[in-house]
Amino acid sequence: MKFSLLSAIALFAVAATAQTNNAIADIDYRARSLKEAAEADDTELNRECHKQNDN
């Protein structure tokens, strides 16, 4: 019993760590890679620059 409980905890910890090391959860809770997150930030920055330049 102890071994299976510890195995389940370890498996959960490995799965959680694997996702957080390689991905970022956005506001919609979709896991994105670090590259996708950077591209999304660039898109928002670009949009804001265009809004400021239009005025």
PDB file of N, CA and C in Angstrom:
ATOM      1  N   MET A   1       0.830  -1.191   0.000  1.00  0.00           N
ATOM      2  CA  MET A   1       0.000   0.000   0.000  1.00  0.00           C
ATOM      3  C   MET A   1       0.871   1.251   0.000  1.00  0.00           C
ATOM      4  N   LYS A   2       1.890   1.276   0.863  1.00  0.00           N
ATOM      5  CA  LYS A   2       2.751   2.451   0.920  1.00  0.00           C
ATOM      6  C   LYS A   2       3.457   2.676  -0.408  1.00  0.00           C
ATOM      7  N   PHE A   3       3.922   1.596  -1.002  1.00  0.00           N
ATOM      8  CA  PHE A   3       4.670   1.726  -2.246  1.00  0.00           C
ATOM      9  C   PHE A   3       3.798   2.296  -3.358  1.00  0.00           C
ATOM     10  N   SER A   4       2.571   1.842  -3.479  1.00  0.00           N
ATOM     11  CA  SER A   4       1.704   2.331  -4.552  1.00  0.00           C
ATOM     12  C   SER A   4       1.301   3.783  -4.311  1.00  0.00           C
ATOM     13  N   LEU A   5       1.101   4.166  -3.068  1.00  0.00           N
ATOM     14  CA  LEU A   5       0.770   5.556  -2.753  1.00  0.00           C
ATOM     15  C   LEU A   5       1.947   6.464  -3.076  1.00  0.00           C
ATOM     16  N   LEU A   6       3.142   6.047  -2.692  1.00  0.00           N
ATOM     17  CA  LEU A   6       4.325   6.846  -3.010  1.00  0.00           C
ATOM     18  C   LEU A   6       4.564   6.913  -4.514  1.00  0.00           C
ATOM     19  N   SER A   7       4.291   5.831  -5.205  1.00  0.00           N
ATOM     20  CA  SER A   7       4.438   5.832  -6.661  1.00  0.00           C
ATOM     21  C   SER A   7       3.457   6.798  -7.310  1.00  0.00           C
ATOM     22  N   ALA A   8       2.241   6.825  -6.824  1.00  0.00           N
ATOM     23  CA  ALA A   8       1.235   7.735  -7.371  1.00  0.00           C
ATOM     24  C   ALA A   8       1.626   9.187  -7.121  1.00  0.00           C
ATOM     25  N   ILE A   9       2.129   9.486  -5.938  1.00  0.00           N
ATOM     26  CA  ILE A   9       2.571  10.847  -5.618  1.00  0.00           C
ATOM     27  C   ILE A   9       3.754  11.241  -6.490  1.00  0.00           C
ATOM     28  N   ALA A  10       4.683  10.326  -6.666  1.00  0.00           N
ATOM     29  CA  ALA A  10       5.855  10.611  -7.500  1.00  0.00           C
ATOM     30  C   ALA A  10       5.450  10.833  -8.954  1.00  0.00           C
ATOM     31  N   LEU A  11       4.536  10.033  -9.458  1.00  0.00           N
ATOM     32  CA  LEU A  11       4.070  10.190 -10.835  1.00  0.00           C
ATOM     33  C   LEU A  11       3.388  11.541 -11.023  1.00  0.00           C
ATOM     34  N   PHE A  12       2.572  11.932 -10.074  1.00  0.00           N
ATOM     35  CA  PHE A  12       1.911  13.237 -10.135  1.00  0.00           C
ATOM     36  C   PHE A  12       2.940  14.359 -10.117  1.00  0.00           C
ATOM     37  N   ALA A  13       3.938  14.252  -9.261  1.00  0.00           N
ATOM     38  CA  ALA A  13       4.976  15.284  -9.170  1.00  0.00           C
ATOM     39  C   ALA A  13       5.771  15.391 -10.464  1.00  0.00           C
ATOM     40  N   VAL A  14       6.088  14.262 -11.063  1.00  0.00           N
ATOM     41  CA  VAL A  14       6.835  14.268 -12.326  1.00  0.00           C
ATOM     42  C   VAL A  14       5.999  14.904 -13.430  1.00  0.00           C
ATOM     43  N   ALA A  15       4.736  14.553 -13.499  1.00  0.00           N
ATOM     44  CA  ALA A  15       3.866  15.108 -14.542  1.00  0.00           C
ATOM     45  C   ALA A  15       3.692  16.611 -14.363  1.00  0.00           C
ATOM     46  N   ALA A  16       3.510  17.061 -13.136  1.00  0.00           N
ATOM     47  CA  ALA A  16       3.338  18.490 -12.881  1.00  0.00           C
ATOM     48  C   ALA A  16       4.616  19.254 -13.189  1.00  0.00           C
ATOM     49  N   THR A  17       5.746  18.700 -12.817  1.00  0.00           N
ATOM     50  CA  THR A  17       7.025  19.361 -13.074  1.00  0.00           C
ATOM     51  C   THR A  17       7.319  19.414 -14.562  1.00  0.00           C
ATOM     52  N   ALA A  18       7.008  18.365 -15.279  1.00  0.00           N
ATOM     53  CA  ALA A  18       7.275  18.338 -16.720  1.00  0.00           C
ATOM     54  C   ALA A  18       6.492  19.422 -17.435  1.00  0.00           C
ATOM     55  N   GLN A  19       5.252  19.648 -17.031  1.00  0.00           N
ATOM     56  CA  GLN A  19       4.451  20.672 -17.695  1.00  0.00           C
ATOM     57  C   GLN A  19       4.935  22.062 -17.319  1.00  0.00           C
ATOM     58  N   THR A  20       5.277  22.304 -16.081  1.00  0.00           N
ATOM     59  CA  THR A  20       5.668  23.652 -15.683  1.00  0.00           C
ATOM     60  C   THR A  20       7.048  24.023 -16.190  1.00  0.00           C
ATOM     61  N   ASN A  21       7.920  23.063 -16.426  1.00  0.00           N
ATOM     62  CA  ASN A  21       9.245  23.391 -16.936  1.00  0.00           C
ATOM     63  C   ASN A  21       9.214  23.804 -18.396  1.00  0.00           C
ATOM     64  N   ASN A  22       8.324  23.255 -19.172  1.00  0.00           N
ATOM     65  CA  ASN A  22       8.315  23.482 -20.611  1.00  0.00           C
ATOM     66  C   ASN A  22       7.141  24.310 -21.095  1.00  0.00           C
ATOM     67  N   ALA A  23       6.251  24.709 -20.213  1.00  0.00           N
ATOM     68  CA  ALA A  23       5.055  25.402 -20.668  1.00  0.00           C
ATOM     69  C   ALA A  23       4.635  26.465 -19.666  1.00  0.00           C
ATOM     70  N   ILE A  24       3.843  27.373 -20.169  1.00  0.00           N
ATOM     71  CA  ILE A  24       3.276  28.430 -19.345  1.00  0.00           C
ATOM     72  C   ILE A  24       1.770  28.365 -19.533  1.00  0.00           C
ATOM     73  N   ALA A  25       1.011  28.358 -18.450  1.00  0.00           N
ATOM     74  CA  ALA A  25      -0.440  28.375 -18.553  1.00  0.00           C
ATOM     75  C   ALA A  25      -0.886  29.823 -18.678  1.00  0.00           C
ATOM     76  N   ASP A  26      -1.629  30.115 -19.727  1.00  0.00           N
ATOM     77  CA  ASP A  26      -2.091  31.473 -19.977  1.00  0.00           C
ATOM     78  C   ASP A  26      -3.407  31.701 -19.256  1.00  0.00           C
ATOM     79  N   ILE A  27      -4.008  32.859 -19.465  1.00  0.00           N
ATOM     80  CA  ILE A  27      -5.233  33.204 -18.755  1.00  0.00           C
ATOM     81  C   ILE A  27      -6.372  32.235 -19.073  1.00  0.00           C
ATOM     82  N   ASP A  28      -6.348  31.621 -20.249  1.00  0.00           N
ATOM     83  CA  ASP A  28      -7.376  30.644 -20.604  1.00  0.00           C
ATOM     84  C   ASP A  28      -6.981  29.232 -20.172  1.00  0.00           C
ATOM     85  N   TYR A  29      -5.927  29.115 -19.387  1.00  0.00           N
ATOM     86  CA  TYR A  29      -5.423  27.863 -18.815  1.00  0.00           C
ATOM     87  C   TYR A  29      -4.928  26.886 -19.873  1.00  0.00           C
ATOM     88  N   ARG A  30      -4.668  27.370 -21.073  1.00  0.00           N
ATOM     89  CA  ARG A  30      -4.067  26.525 -22.108  1.00  0.00           C
ATOM     90  C   ARG A  30      -2.564  26.552 -21.905  1.00  0.00           C
ATOM     91  N   ALA A  31      -1.953  25.411 -21.865  1.00  0.00           N
ATOM     92  CA  ALA A  31      -0.501  25.354 -21.687  1.00  0.00           C
ATOM     93  C   ALA A  31       0.169  25.726 -23.000  1.00  0.00           C
ATOM     94  N   ARG A  32       1.055  26.700 -22.942  1.00  0.00           N
ATOM     95  CA  ARG A  32       1.784  27.147 -24.123  1.00  0.00           C
ATOM     96  C   ARG A  32       3.271  26.935 -23.892  1.00  0.00           C
ATOM     97  N   SER A  33       3.984  26.657 -24.967  1.00  0.00           N
ATOM     98  CA  SER A  33       5.434  26.551 -24.849  1.00  0.00           C
ATOM     99  C   SER A  33       6.005  27.942 -24.612  1.00  0.00           C
ATOM    100  N   LEU A  34       7.250  27.996 -24.194  1.00  0.00           N
ATOM    101  CA  LEU A  34       7.873  29.295 -23.947  1.00  0.00           C
ATOM    102  C   LEU A  34       7.928  30.121 -25.222  1.00  0.00           C
ATOM    103  N   LYS A  35       8.147  29.481 -26.361  1.00  0.00           N
ATOM    104  CA  LYS A  35       8.196  30.201 -27.636  1.00  0.00           C
ATOM    105  C   LYS A  35       6.829  30.787 -27.976  1.00  0.00           C
ATOM    106  N   GLU A  36       5.770  30.006 -27.779  1.00  0.00           N
ATOM    107  CA  GLU A  36       4.425  30.505 -28.049  1.00  0.00           C
ATOM    108  C   GLU A  36       4.082  31.682 -27.146  1.00  0.00           C
ATOM    109  N   ALA A  37       4.485  31.615 -25.891  1.00  0.00           N
ATOM    110  CA  ALA A  37       4.203  32.703 -24.961  1.00  0.00           C
ATOM    111  C   ALA A  37       4.930  33.974 -25.383  1.00  0.00           C
ATOM    112  N   ALA A  38       6.162  33.854 -25.825  1.00  0.00           N
ATOM    113  CA  ALA A  38       6.917  35.022 -26.276  1.00  0.00           C
ATOM    114  C   ALA A  38       6.281  35.627 -27.516  1.00  0.00           C
ATOM    115  N   GLU A  39       5.820  34.787 -28.437  1.00  0.00           N
ATOM    116  CA  GLU A  39       5.161  35.288 -29.640  1.00  0.00           C
ATOM    117  C   GLU A  39       3.864  35.996 -29.294  1.00  0.00           C
ATOM    118  N   ALA A  40       3.119  35.492 -28.328  1.00  0.00           N
ATOM    119  CA  ALA A  40       1.881  36.146 -27.912  1.00  0.00           C
ATOM    120  C   ALA A  40       2.186  37.512 -27.315  1.00  0.00           C
ATOM    121  N   ASP A  41       3.237  37.611 -26.510  1.00  0.00           N
ATOM    122  CA  ASP A  41       3.623  38.894 -25.935  1.00  0.00           C
ATOM    123  C   ASP A  41       4.040  39.867 -27.025  1.00  0.00           C
ATOM    124  N   ASP A  42       4.762  39.394 -28.031  1.00  0.00           N
ATOM    125  CA  ASP A  42       5.170  40.249 -29.144  1.00  0.00           C
ATOM    126  C   ASP A  42       3.959  40.746 -29.917  1.00  0.00           C
ATOM    127  N   THR A  43       2.964  39.903 -30.063  1.00  0.00           N
ATOM    128  CA  THR A  43       1.754  40.291 -30.778  1.00  0.00           C
ATOM    129  C   THR A  43       1.040  41.411 -30.040  1.00  0.00           C
ATOM    130  N   GLU A  44       0.911  41.277 -28.730  1.00  0.00           N
ATOM    131  CA  GLU A  44       0.257  42.318 -27.937  1.00  0.00           C
ATOM    132  C   GLU A  44       1.037  43.629 -27.989  1.00  0.00           C
ATOM    133  N   LEU A  45       2.342  43.549 -27.891  1.00  0.00           N
ATOM    134  CA  LEU A  45       3.180  44.743 -27.958  1.00  0.00           C
ATOM    135  C   LEU A  45       3.034  45.413 -29.315  1.00  0.00           C
ATOM    136  N   ASN A  46       3.031  44.637 -30.371  1.00  0.00           N
ATOM    137  CA  ASN A  46       2.873  45.168 -31.718  1.00  0.00           C
ATOM    138  C   ASN A  46       1.516  45.857 -31.871  1.00  0.00           C
ATOM    139  N   ARG A  47       0.474  45.244 -31.349  1.00  0.00           N
ATOM    140  CA  ARG A  47      -0.870  45.817 -31.429  1.00  0.00           C
ATOM    141  C   ARG A  47      -0.928  47.151 -30.696  1.00  0.00           C
ATOM    142  N   GLU A  48      -0.340  47.217 -29.512  1.00  0.00           N
ATOM    143  CA  GLU A  48      -0.338  48.467 -28.749  1.00  0.00           C
ATOM    144  C   GLU A  48       0.446  49.563 -29.468  1.00  0.00           C
ATOM    145  N   CYS A  49       1.548  49.210 -30.086  1.00  0.00           N
ATOM    146  CA  CYS A  49       2.337  50.197 -30.838  1.00  0.00           C
ATOM    147  C   CYS A  49       1.532  50.748 -32.007  1.00  0.00           C
ATOM    148  N   HIS A  50       0.818  49.874 -32.697  1.00  0.00           N
ATOM    149  CA  HIS A  50      -0.002  50.328 -33.821  1.00  0.00           C
ATOM    150  C   HIS A  50      -1.112  51.257 -33.348  1.00  0.00           C
ATOM    151  N   LYS A  51      -1.710  50.957 -32.206  1.00  0.00           N
ATOM    152  CA  LYS A  51      -2.763  51.825 -31.667  1.00  0.00           C
ATOM    153  C   LYS A  51      -2.204  53.203 -31.339  1.00  0.00           C
ATOM    154  N   GLN A  52      -1.035  53.262 -30.732  1.00  0.00           N
ATOM    155  CA  GLN A  52      -0.427  54.544 -30.379  1.00  0.00           C
ATOM    156  C   GLN A  52      -0.029  55.327 -31.621  1.00  0.00           C
ATOM    157  N   ASN A  53       0.455  54.658 -32.637  1.00  0.00           N
ATOM    158  CA  ASN A  53       0.891  55.343 -33.850  1.00  0.00           C
ATOM    159  C   ASN A  53      -0.278  55.854 -34.682  1.00  0.00           C
ATOM    160  N   ASP A  54      -1.450  55.272 -34.540  1.00  0.00           N
ATOM    161  CA  ASP A  54      -2.622  55.718 -35.293  1.00  0.00           C
ATOM    162  C   ASP A  54      -3.160  57.039 -34.767  1.00  0.00           C
ATOM    163  N   ASN A  55      -2.957  57.336 -33.510  1.00  0.00           N
ATOM    164  CA  ASN A  55      -3.516  58.566 -32.911  1.00  0.00           C
ATOM    165  C   ASN A  55      -2.696  59.766 -33.230  1.00  0.00           C
TER     166      ASN A  55
END
